[in-house]
Amino acid sequence: MSAPKIFSFDEVSKHSSKTDCWMVVHGKVYDVTAFLEEHPGGEEVMLEQGGKDATEAFEDIGHSESARQTLAKYIIGEVEAGSKPAPPPKKAASGGFFGWFSGSK
């Protein structure tokens, strides 16, 4: 058996659409694109986690052993050791100097 393909979180983050959806669960990378329409909770739930580390969301739901076996069918590799997920986007600041300057308070 060959060594698993290694992906950075940066690479995983590029795959977050309905036509190309990857996610990370427990350090393993899964291409779940083909499963989106079959997911019992709906594709929207999967797409929210697309391109991200979905471990917490996956475990919070309490997936069955059958669900874990299904997920295993979609493994394409592992996350690079030391690779970190991108931080969530920052919310635009409101108010402050520029808010005051632009006339909004």
PDB file of N, CA and C in Angstrom:
ATOM      1  N   MET A   1       0.846  -1.181   0.000  1.00  0.00           N
ATOM      2  CA  MET A   1       0.000   0.000   0.000  1.00  0.00           C
ATOM      3  C   MET A   1       0.887   1.239   0.000  1.00  0.00           C
ATOM      4  N   SER A   2       0.555   2.220  -0.820  1.00  0.00           N
ATOM      5  CA  SER A   2       1.379   3.418  -0.909  1.00  0.00           C
ATOM      6  C   SER A   2       1.033   4.398   0.209  1.00  0.00           C
ATOM      7  N   ALA A   3       1.950   5.333   0.401  1.00  0.00           N
ATOM      8  CA  ALA A   3       1.752   6.345   1.440  1.00  0.00           C
ATOM      9  C   ALA A   3       0.561   7.231   1.069  1.00  0.00           C
ATOM     10  N   PRO A   4      -0.181   7.697   2.071  1.00  0.00           N
ATOM     11  CA  PRO A   4      -1.336   8.551   1.768  1.00  0.00           C
ATOM     12  C   PRO A   4      -0.881   9.885   1.175  1.00  0.00           C
ATOM     13  N   LYS A   5      -1.702  10.444   0.318  1.00  0.00           N
ATOM     14  CA  LYS A   5      -1.424  11.762  -0.248  1.00  0.00           C
ATOM     15  C   LYS A   5      -1.577  12.783   0.877  1.00  0.00           C
ATOM     16  N   ILE A   6      -0.688  13.770   0.901  1.00  0.00           N
ATOM     17  CA  ILE A   6      -0.687  14.779   1.957  1.00  0.00           C
ATOM     18  C   ILE A   6      -1.146  16.122   1.385  1.00  0.00           C
ATOM     19  N   PHE A   7      -2.076  16.762   2.082  1.00  0.00           N
ATOM     20  CA  PHE A   7      -2.623  18.047   1.659  1.00  0.00           C
ATOM     21  C   PHE A   7      -2.449  19.082   2.773  1.00  0.00           C
ATOM     22  N   SER A   8      -2.212  20.316   2.406  1.00  0.00           N
ATOM     23  CA  SER A   8      -2.205  21.411   3.384  1.00  0.00           C
ATOM     24  C   SER A   8      -3.649  21.893   3.560  1.00  0.00           C
ATOM     25  N   PHE A   9      -3.902  22.589   4.666  1.00  0.00           N
ATOM     26  CA  PHE A   9      -5.237  23.169   4.858  1.00  0.00           C
ATOM     27  C   PHE A   9      -5.516  24.199   3.776  1.00  0.00           C
ATOM     28  N   ASP A  10      -4.471  24.866   3.304  1.00  0.00           N
ATOM     29  CA  ASP A  10      -4.646  25.847   2.228  1.00  0.00           C
ATOM     30  C   ASP A  10      -5.228  25.165   0.995  1.00  0.00           C
ATOM     31  N   GLU A  11      -4.705  23.995   0.649  1.00  0.00           N
ATOM     32  CA  GLU A  11      -5.218  23.250  -0.503  1.00  0.00           C
ATOM     33  C   GLU A  11      -6.654  22.803  -0.250  1.00  0.00           C
ATOM     34  N   VAL A  12      -6.936  22.284   0.928  1.00  0.00           N
ATOM     35  CA  VAL A  12      -8.290  21.826   1.254  1.00  0.00           C
ATOM     36  C   VAL A  12      -9.285  22.984   1.135  1.00  0.00           C
ATOM     37  N   SER A  13      -8.888  24.171   1.569  1.00  0.00           N
ATOM     38  CA  SER A  13      -9.799  25.330   1.570  1.00  0.00           C
ATOM     39  C   SER A  13     -10.244  25.744   0.169  1.00  0.00           C
ATOM     40  N   LYS A  14      -9.543  25.296  -0.856  1.00  0.00           N
ATOM     41  CA  LYS A  14      -9.894  25.633  -2.240  1.00  0.00           C
ATOM     42  C   LYS A  14     -11.020  24.751  -2.781  1.00  0.00           C
ATOM     43  N   HIS A  15     -11.447  23.788  -1.995  1.00  0.00           N
ATOM     44  CA  HIS A  15     -12.457  22.813  -2.440  1.00  0.00           C
ATOM     45  C   HIS A  15     -13.698  22.925  -1.561  1.00  0.00           C
ATOM     46  N   SER A  16     -14.501  23.938  -1.837  1.00  0.00           N
ATOM     47  CA  SER A  16     -15.651  24.204  -0.958  1.00  0.00           C
ATOM     48  C   SER A  16     -16.930  24.512  -1.735  1.00  0.00           C
ATOM     49  N   SER A  17     -17.063  23.913  -2.904  1.00  0.00           N
ATOM     50  CA  SER A  17     -18.256  24.188  -3.706  1.00  0.00           C
ATOM     51  C   SER A  17     -19.065  22.911  -3.940  1.00  0.00           C
ATOM     52  N   LYS A  18     -20.234  23.081  -4.499  1.00  0.00           N
ATOM     53  CA  LYS A  18     -21.120  21.952  -4.769  1.00  0.00           C
ATOM     54  C   LYS A  18     -20.511  20.989  -5.790  1.00  0.00           C
ATOM     55  N   THR A  19     -19.622  21.498  -6.644  1.00  0.00           N
ATOM     56  CA  THR A  19     -19.004  20.655  -7.668  1.00  0.00           C
ATOM     57  C   THR A  19     -17.625  20.147  -7.264  1.00  0.00           C
ATOM     58  N   ASP A  20     -17.149  20.571  -6.097  1.00  0.00           N
ATOM     59  CA  ASP A  20     -15.804  20.184  -5.634  1.00  0.00           C
ATOM     60  C   ASP A  20     -15.721  20.435  -4.128  1.00  0.00           C
ATOM     61  N   CYS A  21     -16.094  19.456  -3.338  1.00  0.00           N
ATOM     62  CA  CYS A  21     -16.205  19.651  -1.895  1.00  0.00           C
ATOM     63  C   CYS A  21     -15.346  18.660  -1.115  1.00  0.00           C
ATOM     64  N   TRP A  22     -14.326  19.200  -0.439  1.00  0.00           N
ATOM     65  CA  TRP A  22     -13.462  18.408   0.427  1.00  0.00           C
ATOM     66  C   TRP A  22     -13.672  18.873   1.860  1.00  0.00           C
ATOM     67  N   MET A  23     -13.380  18.009   2.800  1.00  0.00           N
ATOM     68  CA  MET A  23     -13.384  18.392   4.208  1.00  0.00           C
ATOM     69  C   MET A  23     -12.405  17.509   4.970  1.00  0.00           C
ATOM     70  N   VAL A  24     -12.048  17.972   6.145  1.00  0.00           N
ATOM     71  CA  VAL A  24     -11.123  17.244   7.009  1.00  0.00           C
ATOM     72  C   VAL A  24     -11.897  16.751   8.225  1.00  0.00           C
ATOM     73  N   VAL A  25     -11.713  15.479   8.561  1.00  0.00           N
ATOM     74  CA  VAL A  25     -12.275  14.911   9.783  1.00  0.00           C
ATOM     75  C   VAL A  25     -11.167  14.078  10.425  1.00  0.00           C
ATOM     76  N   HIS A  26     -10.807  14.457  11.636  1.00  0.00           N
ATOM     77  CA  HIS A  26      -9.748  13.773  12.388  1.00  0.00           C
ATOM     78  C   HIS A  26      -8.448  13.645  11.583  1.00  0.00           C
ATOM     79  N   GLY A  27      -8.073  14.737  10.911  1.00  0.00           N
ATOM     80  CA  GLY A  27      -6.796  14.786  10.201  1.00  0.00           C
ATOM     81  C   GLY A  27      -6.772  14.105   8.851  1.00  0.00           C
ATOM     82  N   LYS A  28      -7.881  13.529   8.451  1.00  0.00           N
ATOM     83  CA  LYS A  28      -7.968  12.869   7.147  1.00  0.00           C
ATOM     84  C   LYS A  28      -8.777  13.754   6.197  1.00  0.00           C
ATOM     85  N   VAL A  29      -8.392  13.760   4.926  1.00  0.00           N
ATOM     86  CA  VAL A  29      -9.050  14.591   3.923  1.00  0.00           C
ATOM     87  C   VAL A  29     -10.005  13.721   3.106  1.00  0.00           C
ATOM     88  N   TYR A  30     -11.224  14.204   2.970  1.00  0.00           N
ATOM     89  CA  TYR A  30     -12.264  13.479   2.240  1.00  0.00           C
ATOM     90  C   TYR A  30     -12.810  14.342   1.115  1.00  0.00           C
ATOM     91  N   ASP A  31     -12.968  13.754  -0.066  1.00  0.00           N
ATOM     92  CA  ASP A  31     -13.654  14.411  -1.178  1.00  0.00           C
ATOM     93  C   ASP A  31     -15.081  13.887  -1.154  1.00  0.00           C
ATOM     94  N   VAL A  32     -15.977  14.696  -0.606  1.00  0.00           N
ATOM     95  CA  VAL A  32     -17.363  14.260  -0.398  1.00  0.00           C
ATOM     96  C   VAL A  32     -18.309  14.780  -1.478  1.00  0.00           C
ATOM     97  N   THR A  33     -17.746  15.283  -2.566  1.00  0.00           N
ATOM     98  CA  THR A  33     -18.562  15.851  -3.642  1.00  0.00           C
ATOM     99  C   THR A  33     -19.667  14.894  -4.083  1.00  0.00           C
ATOM    100  N   ALA A  34     -19.320  13.649  -4.331  1.00  0.00           N
ATOM    101  CA  ALA A  34     -20.289  12.670  -4.826  1.00  0.00           C
ATOM    102  C   ALA A  34     -21.353  12.305  -3.792  1.00  0.00           C
ATOM    103  N   PHE A  35     -21.120  12.623  -2.531  1.00  0.00           N
ATOM    104  CA  PHE A  35     -22.054  12.265  -1.463  1.00  0.00           C
ATOM    105  C   PHE A  35     -23.015  13.405  -1.092  1.00  0.00           C
ATOM    106  N   LEU A  36     -22.748  14.609  -1.585  1.00  0.00           N
ATOM    107  CA  LEU A  36     -23.534  15.769  -1.167  1.00  0.00           C
ATOM    108  C   LEU A  36     -25.044  15.545  -1.285  1.00  0.00           C
ATOM    109  N   GLU A  37     -25.503  15.083  -2.431  1.00  0.00           N
ATOM    110  CA  GLU A  37     -26.946  14.907  -2.645  1.00  0.00           C
ATOM    111  C   GLU A  37     -27.523  13.741  -1.853  1.00  0.00           C
ATOM    112  N   GLU A  38     -26.664  12.814  -1.430  1.00  0.00           N
ATOM    113  CA  GLU A  38     -27.122  11.646  -0.678  1.00  0.00           C
ATOM    114  C   GLU A  38     -27.144  11.875   0.834  1.00  0.00           C
ATOM    115  N   HIS A  39     -26.481  12.916   1.305  1.00  0.00           N
ATOM    116  CA  HIS A  39     -26.360  13.136   2.746  1.00  0.00           C
ATOM    117  C   HIS A  39     -27.742  13.304   3.380  1.00  0.00           C
ATOM    118  N   PRO A  40     -28.067  12.490   4.375  1.00  0.00           N
ATOM    119  CA  PRO A  40     -29.399  12.546   4.998  1.00  0.00           C
ATOM    120  C   PRO A  40     -29.757  13.920   5.578  1.00  0.00           C
ATOM    121  N   GLY A  41     -28.762  14.679   6.010  1.00  0.00           N
ATOM    122  CA  GLY A  41     -29.027  16.001   6.576  1.00  0.00           C
ATOM    123  C   GLY A  41     -29.084  17.108   5.540  1.00  0.00           C
ATOM    124  N   GLY A  42     -28.903  16.760   4.276  1.00  0.00           N
ATOM    125  CA  GLY A  42     -28.948  17.738   3.193  1.00  0.00           C
ATOM    126  C   GLY A  42     -27.561  18.215   2.807  1.00  0.00           C
ATOM    127  N   GLU A  43     -27.436  18.615   1.569  1.00  0.00           N
ATOM    128  CA  GLU A  43     -26.136  19.058   1.067  1.00  0.00           C
ATOM    129  C   GLU A  43     -25.687  20.373   1.687  1.00  0.00           C
ATOM    130  N   GLU A  44     -26.625  21.207   2.124  1.00  0.00           N
ATOM    131  CA  GLU A  44     -26.269  22.497   2.705  1.00  0.00           C
ATOM    132  C   GLU A  44     -25.379  22.321   3.939  1.00  0.00           C
ATOM    133  N   VAL A  45     -25.706  21.320   4.743  1.00  0.00           N
ATOM    134  CA  VAL A  45     -24.937  21.040   5.956  1.00  0.00           C
ATOM    135  C   VAL A  45     -23.494  20.687   5.580  1.00  0.00           C
ATOM    136  N   MET A  46     -23.345  19.895   4.552  1.00  0.00           N
ATOM    137  CA  MET A  46     -22.016  19.494   4.096  1.00  0.00           C
ATOM    138  C   MET A  46     -21.268  20.688   3.509  1.00  0.00           C
ATOM    139  N   LEU A  47     -21.961  21.482   2.714  1.00  0.00           N
ATOM    140  CA  LEU A  47     -21.306  22.627   2.073  1.00  0.00           C
ATOM    141  C   LEU A  47     -20.825  23.663   3.093  1.00  0.00           C
ATOM    142  N   GLU A  48     -21.525  23.766   4.222  1.00  0.00           N
ATOM    143  CA  GLU A  48     -21.076  24.681   5.284  1.00  0.00           C
ATOM    144  C   GLU A  48     -19.705  24.286   5.807  1.00  0.00           C
ATOM    145  N   GLN A  49     -19.387  23.012   5.741  1.00  0.00           N
ATOM    146  CA  GLN A  49     -18.111  22.498   6.245  1.00  0.00           C
ATOM    147  C   GLN A  49     -17.086  22.296   5.128  1.00  0.00           C
ATOM    148  N   GLY A  50     -17.494  22.504   3.900  1.00  0.00           N
ATOM    149  CA  GLY A  50     -16.605  22.311   2.763  1.00  0.00           C
ATOM    150  C   GLY A  50     -15.360  23.178   2.864  1.00  0.00           C
ATOM    151  N   GLY A  51     -14.208  22.583   2.609  1.00  0.00           N
ATOM    152  CA  GLY A  51     -12.949  23.312   2.652  1.00  0.00           C
ATOM    153  C   GLY A  51     -12.425  23.566   4.049  1.00  0.00           C
ATOM    154  N   LYS A  52     -13.028  22.940   5.046  1.00  0.00           N
ATOM    155  CA  LYS A  52     -12.677  23.206   6.447  1.00  0.00           C
ATOM    156  C   LYS A  52     -12.397  21.919   7.215  1.00  0.00           C
ATOM    157  N   ASP A  53     -11.952  22.106   8.449  1.00  0.00           N
ATOM    158  CA  ASP A  53     -11.859  20.985   9.380  1.00  0.00           C
ATOM    159  C   ASP A  53     -13.254  20.790   9.965  1.00  0.00           C
ATOM    160  N   ALA A  54     -13.904  19.718   9.576  1.00  0.00           N
ATOM    161  CA  ALA A  54     -15.281  19.446   9.974  1.00  0.00           C
ATOM    162  C   ALA A  54     -15.371  18.481  11.152  1.00  0.00           C
ATOM    163  N   THR A  55     -14.254  18.229  11.817  1.00  0.00           N
ATOM    164  CA  THR A  55     -14.233  17.236  12.891  1.00  0.00           C
ATOM    165  C   THR A  55     -15.258  17.551  13.980  1.00  0.00           C
ATOM    166  N   GLU A  56     -15.252  18.776  14.469  1.00  0.00           N
ATOM    167  CA  GLU A  56     -16.165  19.132  15.560  1.00  0.00           C
ATOM    168  C   GLU A  56     -17.620  18.989  15.125  1.00  0.00           C
ATOM    169  N   ALA A  57     -17.951  19.488  13.944  1.00  0.00           N
ATOM    170  CA  ALA A  57     -19.323  19.388  13.454  1.00  0.00           C
ATOM    171  C   ALA A  57     -19.724  17.922  13.273  1.00  0.00           C
ATOM    172  N   PHE A  58     -18.814  17.110  12.748  1.00  0.00           N
ATOM    173  CA  PHE A  58     -19.086  15.684  12.534  1.00  0.00           C
ATOM    174  C   PHE A  58     -19.355  14.980  13.858  1.00  0.00           C
ATOM    175  N   GLU A  59     -18.540  15.252  14.854  1.00  0.00           N
ATOM    176  CA  GLU A  59     -18.703  14.591  16.156  1.00  0.00           C
ATOM    177  C   GLU A  59     -19.887  15.134  16.935  1.00  0.00           C
ATOM    178  N   ASP A  60     -20.178  16.413  16.810  1.00  0.00           N
ATOM    179  CA  ASP A  60     -21.309  17.008  17.531  1.00  0.00           C
ATOM    180  C   ASP A  60     -22.642  16.379  17.134  1.00  0.00           C
ATOM    181  N   ILE A  61     -22.737  15.929  15.913  1.00  0.00           N
ATOM    182  CA  ILE A  61     -23.974  15.315  15.430  1.00  0.00           C
ATOM    183  C   ILE A  61     -24.149  13.911  15.989  1.00  0.00           C
ATOM    184  N   GLY A  62     -23.042  13.249  16.300  1.00  0.00           N
ATOM    185  CA  GLY A  62     -23.128  11.887  16.818  1.00  0.00           C
ATOM    186  C   GLY A  62     -23.410  10.881  15.718  1.00  0.00           C
ATOM    187  N   HIS A  63     -22.609  10.910  14.658  1.00  0.00           N
ATOM    188  CA  HIS A  63     -22.797  10.008  13.532  1.00  0.00           C
ATOM    189  C   HIS A  63     -22.661   8.534  13.944  1.00  0.00           C
ATOM    190  N   SER A  64     -23.421   7.712  13.276  1.00  0.00           N
ATOM    191  CA  SER A  64     -23.426   6.269  13.538  1.00  0.00           C
ATOM    192  C   SER A  64     -22.175   5.611  12.962  1.00  0.00           C
ATOM    193  N   GLU A  65     -21.982   4.361  13.321  1.00  0.00           N
ATOM    194  CA  GLU A  65     -20.866   3.590  12.752  1.00  0.00           C
ATOM    195  C   GLU A  65     -21.048   3.454  11.246  1.00  0.00           C
ATOM    196  N   SER A  66     -22.267   3.318  10.798  1.00  0.00           N
ATOM    197  CA  SER A  66     -22.555   3.229   9.370  1.00  0.00           C
ATOM    198  C   SER A  66     -22.134   4.512   8.653  1.00  0.00           C
ATOM    199  N   ALA A  67     -22.407   5.651   9.265  1.00  0.00           N
ATOM    200  CA  ALA A  67     -22.010   6.939   8.675  1.00  0.00           C
ATOM    201  C   ALA A  67     -20.491   7.042   8.597  1.00  0.00           C
ATOM    202  N   ARG A  68     -19.813   6.546   9.614  1.00  0.00           N
ATOM    203  CA  ARG A  68     -18.345   6.568   9.620  1.00  0.00           C
ATOM    204  C   ARG A  68     -17.777   5.666   8.522  1.00  0.00           C
ATOM    205  N   GLN A  69     -18.435   4.532   8.293  1.00  0.00           N
ATOM    206  CA  GLN A  69     -18.000   3.639   7.223  1.00  0.00           C
ATOM    207  C   GLN A  69     -18.238   4.273   5.854  1.00  0.00           C
ATOM    208  N   THR A  70     -19.342   4.986   5.722  1.00  0.00           N
ATOM    209  CA  THR A  70     -19.618   5.690   4.466  1.00  0.00           C
ATOM    210  C   THR A  70     -18.569   6.763   4.223  1.00  0.00           C
ATOM    211  N   LEU A  71     -18.246   7.529   5.245  1.00  0.00           N
ATOM    212  CA  LEU A  71     -17.230   8.578   5.118  1.00  0.00           C
ATOM    213  C   LEU A  71     -15.903   7.994   4.661  1.00  0.00           C
ATOM    214  N   ALA A  72     -15.549   6.847   5.182  1.00  0.00           N
ATOM    215  CA  ALA A  72     -14.265   6.218   4.855  1.00  0.00           C
ATOM    216  C   ALA A  72     -14.112   5.945   3.361  1.00  0.00           C
ATOM    217  N   LYS A  73     -15.223   5.802   2.644  1.00  0.00           N
ATOM    218  CA  LYS A  73     -15.174   5.554   1.204  1.00  0.00           C
ATOM    219  C   LYS A  73     -14.631   6.751   0.433  1.00  0.00           C
ATOM    220  N   TYR A  74     -14.659   7.925   1.045  1.00  0.00           N
ATOM    221  CA  TYR A  74     -14.318   9.166   0.341  1.00  0.00           C
ATOM    222  C   TYR A  74     -12.948   9.721   0.712  1.00  0.00           C
ATOM    223  N   ILE A  75     -12.159   8.970   1.465  1.00  0.00           N
ATOM    224  CA  ILE A  75     -10.850   9.465   1.885  1.00  0.00           C
ATOM    225  C   ILE A  75      -9.921   9.620   0.675  1.00  0.00           C
ATOM    226  N   ILE A  76      -9.220  10.741   0.627  1.00  0.00           N
ATOM    227  CA  ILE A  76      -8.261  10.964  -0.463  1.00  0.00           C
ATOM    228  C   ILE A  76      -6.858  11.251   0.074  1.00  0.00           C
ATOM    229  N   GLY A  77      -6.724  11.404   1.387  1.00  0.00           N
ATOM    230  CA  GLY A  77      -5.405  11.651   1.950  1.00  0.00           C
ATOM    231  C   GLY A  77      -5.465  12.137   3.382  1.00  0.00           C
ATOM    232  N   GLU A  78      -4.393  12.797   3.790  1.00  0.00           N
ATOM    233  CA  GLU A  78      -4.282  13.323   5.147  1.00  0.00           C
ATOM    234  C   GLU A  78      -3.826  14.780   5.101  1.00  0.00           C
ATOM    235  N   VAL A  79      -4.062  15.474   6.211  1.00  0.00           N
ATOM    236  CA  VAL A  79      -3.598  16.858   6.325  1.00  0.00           C
ATOM    237  C   VAL A  79      -2.127  16.848   6.715  1.00  0.00           C
ATOM    238  N   GLU A  80      -1.388  17.727   6.095  1.00  0.00           N
ATOM    239  CA  GLU A  80       0.034  17.886   6.370  1.00  0.00           C
ATOM    240  C   GLU A  80       0.257  18.210   7.845  1.00  0.00           C
ATOM    241  N   ALA A  81       1.197  17.508   8.469  1.00  0.00           N
ATOM    242  CA  ALA A  81       1.521  17.771   9.879  1.00  0.00           C
ATOM    243  C   ALA A  81       1.937  19.229  10.025  1.00  0.00           C
ATOM    244  N   GLY A  82       1.378  19.889  11.000  1.00  0.00           N
ATOM    245  CA  GLY A  82       1.714  21.292  11.257  1.00  0.00           C
ATOM    246  C   GLY A  82       0.897  22.275  10.442  1.00  0.00           C
ATOM    247  N   SER A  83       0.136  21.792   9.459  1.00  0.00           N
ATOM    248  CA  SER A  83      -0.711  22.674   8.664  1.00  0.00           C
ATOM    249  C   SER A  83      -1.902  23.091   9.522  1.00  0.00           C
ATOM    250  N   LYS A  84      -2.249  24.340   9.462  1.00  0.00           N
ATOM    251  CA  LYS A  84      -3.343  24.848  10.294  1.00  0.00           C
ATOM    252  C   LYS A  84      -4.452  25.403   9.414  1.00  0.00           C
ATOM    253  N   PRO A  85      -5.709  25.263   9.858  1.00  0.00           N
ATOM    254  CA  PRO A  85      -6.812  25.841   9.092  1.00  0.00           C
ATOM    255  C   PRO A  85      -6.688  27.355   9.043  1.00  0.00           C
ATOM    256  N   ALA A  86      -7.193  27.930   7.964  1.00  0.00           N
ATOM    257  CA  ALA A  86      -7.213  29.385   7.849  1.00  0.00           C
ATOM    258  C   ALA A  86      -8.125  29.942   8.931  1.00  0.00           C
ATOM    259  N   PRO A  87      -7.757  31.087   9.518  1.00  0.00           N
ATOM    260  CA  PRO A  87      -8.640  31.689  10.527  1.00  0.00           C
ATOM    261  C   PRO A  87      -9.936  32.149   9.872  1.00  0.00           C
ATOM    262  N   PRO A  88     -11.028  32.189  10.636  1.00  0.00           N
ATOM    263  CA  PRO A  88     -12.290  32.655  10.063  1.00  0.00           C
ATOM    264  C   PRO A  88     -12.147  34.112   9.631  1.00  0.00           C
ATOM    265  N   PRO A  89     -12.899  34.516   8.595  1.00  0.00           N
ATOM    266  CA  PRO A  89     -12.801  35.907   8.155  1.00  0.00           C
ATOM    267  C   PRO A  89     -13.217  36.865   9.262  1.00  0.00           C
ATOM    268  N   LYS A  90     -12.519  37.989   9.336  1.00  0.00           N
ATOM    269  CA  LYS A  90     -12.848  38.983  10.350  1.00  0.00           C
ATOM    270  C   LYS A  90     -14.077  39.758   9.921  1.00  0.00           C
ATOM    271  N   LYS A  91     -14.895  40.101  10.903  1.00  0.00           N
ATOM    272  CA  LYS A  91     -16.069  40.919  10.627  1.00  0.00           C
ATOM    273  C   LYS A  91     -15.612  42.358  10.429  1.00  0.00           C
ATOM    274  N   ALA A  92     -16.300  43.042   9.547  1.00  0.00           N
ATOM    275  CA  ALA A  92     -15.962  44.437   9.306  1.00  0.00           C
ATOM    276  C   ALA A  92     -16.239  45.235  10.578  1.00  0.00           C
ATOM    277  N   ALA A  93     -15.307  46.076  10.918  1.00  0.00           N
ATOM    278  CA  ALA A  93     -15.478  46.927  12.109  1.00  0.00           C
ATOM    279  C   ALA A  93     -16.530  47.980  11.826  1.00  0.00           C
ATOM    280  N   SER A  94     -17.313  48.279  12.821  1.00  0.00           N
ATOM    281  CA  SER A  94     -18.294  49.348  12.677  1.00  0.00           C
ATOM    282  C   SER A  94     -17.988  50.414  13.711  1.00  0.00           C
ATOM    283  N   GLY A  95     -18.348  51.593  13.376  1.00  0.00           N
ATOM    284  CA  GLY A  95     -18.089  52.697  14.302  1.00  0.00           C
ATOM    285  C   GLY A  95     -16.626  53.060  14.295  1.00  0.00           C
ATOM    286  N   GLY A  96     -16.086  53.387  15.460  1.00  0.00           N
ATOM    287  CA  GLY A  96     -14.686  53.769  15.533  1.00  0.00           C
ATOM    288  C   GLY A  96     -14.425  55.043  14.765  1.00  0.00           C
ATOM    289  N   PHE A  97     -13.184  55.342  14.561  1.00  0.00           N
ATOM    290  CA  PHE A  97     -12.803  56.568  13.887  1.00  0.00           C
ATOM    291  C   PHE A  97     -13.407  56.659  12.490  1.00  0.00           C
ATOM    292  N   PHE A  98     -13.278  55.584  11.697  1.00  0.00           N
ATOM    293  CA  PHE A  98     -13.748  55.657  10.320  1.00  0.00           C
ATOM    294  C   PHE A  98     -15.266  55.696  10.251  1.00  0.00           C
ATOM    295  N   GLY A  99     -15.948  55.057  11.187  1.00  0.00           N
ATOM    296  CA  GLY A  99     -17.396  55.143  11.229  1.00  0.00           C
ATOM    297  C   GLY A  99     -17.833  56.563  11.555  1.00  0.00           C
ATOM    298  N   TRP A 100     -17.130  57.177  12.484  1.00  0.00           N
ATOM    299  CA  TRP A 100     -17.445  58.562  12.835  1.00  0.00           C
ATOM    300  C   TRP A 100     -17.127  59.478  11.676  1.00  0.00           C
ATOM    301  N   PHE A 101     -15.982  59.259  11.054  1.00  0.00           N
ATOM    302  CA  PHE A 101     -15.520  60.101   9.961  1.00  0.00           C
ATOM    303  C   PHE A 101     -16.477  60.050   8.784  1.00  0.00           C
ATOM    304  N   SER A 102     -17.077  58.896   8.540  1.00  0.00           N
ATOM    305  CA  SER A 102     -17.972  58.763   7.394  1.00  0.00           C
ATOM    306  C   SER A 102     -19.381  59.250   7.719  1.00  0.00           C
ATOM    307  N   GLY A 103     -19.581  59.684   8.942  1.00  0.00           N
ATOM    308  CA  GLY A 103     -20.864  60.243   9.317  1.00  0.00           C
ATOM    309  C   GLY A 103     -21.786  59.279  10.016  1.00  0.00           C
ATOM    310  N   SER A 104     -21.402  58.008  10.187  1.00  0.00           N
ATOM    311  CA  SER A 104     -22.249  57.071  10.922  1.00  0.00           C
ATOM    312  C   SER A 104     -21.729  56.952  12.342  1.00  0.00           C
ATOM    313  N   LYS A 105     -22.626  56.843  13.279  1.00  0.00           N
ATOM    314  CA  LYS A 105     -22.234  56.752  14.686  1.00  0.00           C
ATOM    315  C   LYS A 105     -22.843  55.555  15.322  1.00  0.00           C
TER     316      LYS A 105
END
